[in-house]
Amino acid sequence: MKYPIAFLLLMSATGAWAHPGHGGAGFGAGLLHPLLGLDHWLGMLGLGLWSRAAGVARPALATVGAGLALGAFAPFALPLVEPMLAASVLAAGLMGLGVARLPARLGLVLACAFSLLHGNAHGQEMAGAAAAAGAICMSGGLMGLGWLAGSHAGLGKAGPALVALLGAGLLALG
């Protein structure tokens, strides 16, 4: 594909990349679930990139895991979840771009808020603790990919910029 950014923006417009319609039970379904939403991919990659640049990889992973779990088991569904998810992707990219000016603790609070939101969206569609555990594990893996990508000199700033751009695209298309 010659224009990967255009391809990703076009793919983000389709309902197949949004949350409704791919629920399931069991650990395997949970592992697969985060891979079916472009917003979740981008959000977790963005948080991984930010955590690398901010030097808070372990606290960020723990915070995100706890936020996902709390959101997944919340007894209510958050309103306007799709636009809020897109906004969280945009914010995750902006966090990576502004890492020098963003206090690490504030970044961890934002990461927790994003994770509660993503966990709630996934928790409303999946059934059971095993599925939630699978989704949390895969989310950690996606964050790890972002963290690894952040070690590449060219991706340190380009990665968060791309996440922010695609998050803005998701928000505009939502």
Protein backbone atom coordinates (compact mmCIF):
# COMPACT_ATOMS: atom_id res chain seq x y z
CA MET A 1 0.00 0.00 0.00
CA LYS A 2 1.51 3.27 -1.11
CA TYR A 3 -0.45 5.57 1.25
CA PRO A 4 -0.77 3.82 4.64
CA ILE A 5 -2.17 6.86 6.47
CA ALA A 6 -4.99 7.25 3.94
CA PHE A 7 -5.69 3.51 4.19
CA LEU A 8 -5.88 3.66 8.00
CA LEU A 9 -8.21 6.67 7.93
CA LEU A 10 -10.51 4.95 5.45
CA MET A 11 -10.54 1.78 7.52
CA SER A 12 -11.39 3.74 10.65
CA ALA A 13 -14.64 4.96 9.09
CA THR A 14 -16.24 1.54 8.88
CA GLY A 15 -18.49 0.17 11.60
CA ALA A 16 -16.46 -3.05 11.64
CA TRP A 17 -13.70 -1.18 13.47
CA ALA A 18 -16.05 0.22 16.12
CA HIS A 19 -17.02 -1.64 19.27
CA PRO A 20 -20.54 -3.03 18.76
CA GLY A 21 -21.04 -6.47 17.36
CA HIS A 22 -18.02 -8.53 18.42
CA GLY A 23 -18.79 -9.72 21.92
CA GLY A 24 -17.73 -13.06 23.27
CA ALA A 25 -16.82 -15.09 26.30
CA GLY A 26 -13.59 -16.74 27.34
CA PHE A 27 -9.95 -15.76 27.47
CA GLY A 28 -9.42 -16.24 23.69
CA ALA A 29 -12.31 -13.93 22.85
CA GLY A 30 -10.84 -11.38 25.22
CA LEU A 31 -7.43 -11.62 23.57
CA LEU A 32 -8.98 -11.04 20.16
CA HIS A 33 -11.34 -8.25 21.17
CA PRO A 34 -8.84 -5.34 21.44
CA LEU A 35 -7.44 -6.25 18.04
CA LEU A 36 -10.81 -5.60 16.41
CA GLY A 37 -10.96 -1.90 17.24
CA LEU A 38 -8.61 0.59 15.60
CA ASP A 39 -9.25 3.00 18.45
CA HIS A 40 -7.99 0.46 20.99
CA TRP A 41 -4.90 -0.34 18.91
CA LEU A 42 -4.04 3.32 18.56
CA GLY A 43 -4.85 4.22 22.16
CA MET A 44 -2.68 1.46 23.62
CA LEU A 45 0.17 2.07 21.16
CA GLY A 46 -0.01 5.79 21.97
CA LEU A 47 0.13 5.13 25.71
CA GLY A 48 3.08 2.80 25.16
CA LEU A 49 4.92 5.46 23.18
CA TRP A 50 4.18 8.04 25.88
CA SER A 51 5.24 5.73 28.72
CA ARG A 52 8.59 5.12 26.99
CA ALA A 53 9.27 8.81 26.47
CA ALA A 54 8.13 9.70 30.01
CA GLY A 55 10.14 6.87 31.59
CA VAL A 56 7.11 5.43 33.41
CA ALA A 57 6.62 2.12 31.62
CA ARG A 58 5.91 -0.04 34.69
CA PRO A 59 3.62 2.42 36.48
CA ALA A 60 1.80 3.10 33.20
CA LEU A 61 1.26 -0.60 32.52
CA ALA A 62 -0.06 -1.16 36.05
CA THR A 63 -2.29 1.93 35.85
CA VAL A 64 -3.70 0.97 32.47
CA GLY A 65 -4.33 -2.63 33.57
CA ALA A 66 -6.16 -1.46 36.70
CA GLY A 67 -8.18 1.10 34.75
CA LEU A 68 -9.19 -1.48 32.15
CA ALA A 69 -10.30 -3.91 34.85
CA LEU A 70 -12.29 -1.28 36.75
CA GLY A 71 -13.96 -0.09 33.57
CA ALA A 72 -14.73 -3.62 32.37
CA PHE A 73 -16.60 -4.50 35.55
CA ALA A 74 -18.42 -1.18 36.00
CA PRO A 75 -22.15 -1.83 36.43
CA PHE A 76 -23.05 0.86 33.89
CA ALA A 77 -22.25 1.90 30.34
CA LEU A 78 -20.70 5.31 29.81
CA PRO A 79 -22.57 7.65 27.43
CA LEU A 80 -21.09 8.86 24.14
CA VAL A 81 -18.45 6.15 24.32
CA GLU A 82 -17.34 6.17 20.67
CA PRO A 83 -16.53 9.92 20.46
CA MET A 84 -14.85 9.72 23.88
CA LEU A 85 -12.73 6.78 22.70
CA ALA A 86 -11.66 8.72 19.61
CA ALA A 87 -10.83 11.73 21.79
CA SER A 88 -8.74 9.49 24.07
CA VAL A 89 -6.71 8.32 21.07
CA LEU A 90 -6.08 11.92 20.04
CA ALA A 91 -5.09 12.78 23.62
CA ALA A 92 -2.76 9.76 23.89
CA GLY A 93 -0.91 10.96 20.79
CA LEU A 94 -0.75 14.50 22.12
CA MET A 95 0.62 13.17 25.42
CA GLY A 96 3.50 11.59 23.53
CA LEU A 97 4.17 14.79 21.64
CA GLY A 98 4.13 16.95 24.75
CA VAL A 99 5.90 14.54 27.08
CA ALA A 100 8.51 17.11 28.12
CA ARG A 101 5.80 19.46 29.41
CA LEU A 102 3.41 16.88 30.88
CA PRO A 103 4.07 15.85 34.49
CA ALA A 104 4.30 12.06 34.74
CA ARG A 105 1.63 11.88 37.45
CA LEU A 106 -0.84 13.82 35.32
CA GLY A 107 -0.05 11.50 32.43
CA LEU A 108 -0.76 8.47 34.63
CA VAL A 109 -4.10 9.99 35.71
CA LEU A 110 -5.00 10.55 32.05
CA ALA A 111 -3.88 7.01 31.14
CA CYS A 112 -6.10 5.65 33.90
CA ALA A 113 -9.07 7.68 32.65
CA PHE A 114 -8.54 6.46 29.08
CA SER A 115 -8.27 2.90 30.34
CA LEU A 116 -11.46 3.14 32.36
CA LEU A 117 -13.19 4.33 29.21
CA HIS A 118 -11.76 1.58 26.98
CA GLY A 119 -12.39 -1.05 29.66
CA ASN A 120 -15.99 0.06 29.99
CA ALA A 121 -16.54 -0.12 26.23
CA HIS A 122 -15.09 -3.62 26.08
CA GLY A 123 -16.77 -4.76 29.29
CA GLN A 124 -20.21 -3.90 27.93
CA GLU A 125 -19.65 -6.26 25.00
CA MET A 126 -17.81 -9.21 26.52
CA ALA A 127 -18.95 -11.74 29.06
CA GLY A 128 -17.01 -12.78 32.13
CA ALA A 129 -13.74 -12.37 33.93
CA ALA A 130 -11.83 -14.63 31.53
CA ALA A 131 -12.69 -12.40 28.57
CA ALA A 132 -11.72 -9.29 30.55
CA ALA A 133 -8.41 -10.91 31.52
CA GLY A 134 -7.68 -11.71 27.87
CA ALA A 135 -8.49 -8.15 26.79
CA ILE A 136 -6.27 -6.72 29.53
CA CYS A 137 -3.38 -9.01 28.51
CA MET A 138 -3.67 -8.04 24.84
CA SER A 139 -3.89 -4.37 25.80
CA GLY A 140 -0.64 -4.77 27.73
CA GLY A 141 0.89 -6.36 24.66
CA LEU A 142 -0.21 -3.45 22.48
CA MET A 143 1.24 -1.00 25.00
CA GLY A 144 4.45 -3.04 24.91
CA LEU A 145 4.56 -2.67 21.13
CA GLY A 146 4.21 1.09 21.53
CA TRP A 147 6.96 1.08 24.15
CA LEU A 148 9.26 -0.88 21.81
CA ALA A 149 8.42 1.40 18.89
CA GLY A 150 9.36 4.38 21.06
CA SER A 151 12.92 3.07 21.28
CA HIS A 152 13.35 3.68 17.55
CA ALA A 153 14.64 7.24 17.08
CA GLY A 154 12.34 8.03 14.17
CA LEU A 155 9.22 6.74 15.90
CA GLY A 156 9.76 8.66 19.13
CA LYS A 157 7.96 11.73 17.74
CA ALA A 158 6.49 10.43 14.49
CA GLY A 159 4.59 7.66 16.31
CA PRO A 160 2.69 9.96 18.69
CA ALA A 161 2.05 12.41 15.84
CA LEU A 162 0.52 9.61 13.76
CA VAL A 163 -1.58 8.42 16.71
CA ALA A 164 -2.83 12.00 17.28
CA LEU A 165 -3.59 12.47 13.58
CA LEU A 166 -5.52 9.20 13.35
CA GLY A 167 -7.30 9.99 16.61
CA ALA A 168 -8.40 13.32 15.13
CA GLY A 169 -9.57 11.42 12.05
CA LEU A 170 -11.57 9.00 14.19
CA LEU A 171 -13.10 11.90 16.07
CA ALA A 172 -14.03 13.71 12.85
CA LEU A 173 -15.53 10.58 11.31
CA GLY A 174 -17.42 9.62 14.47
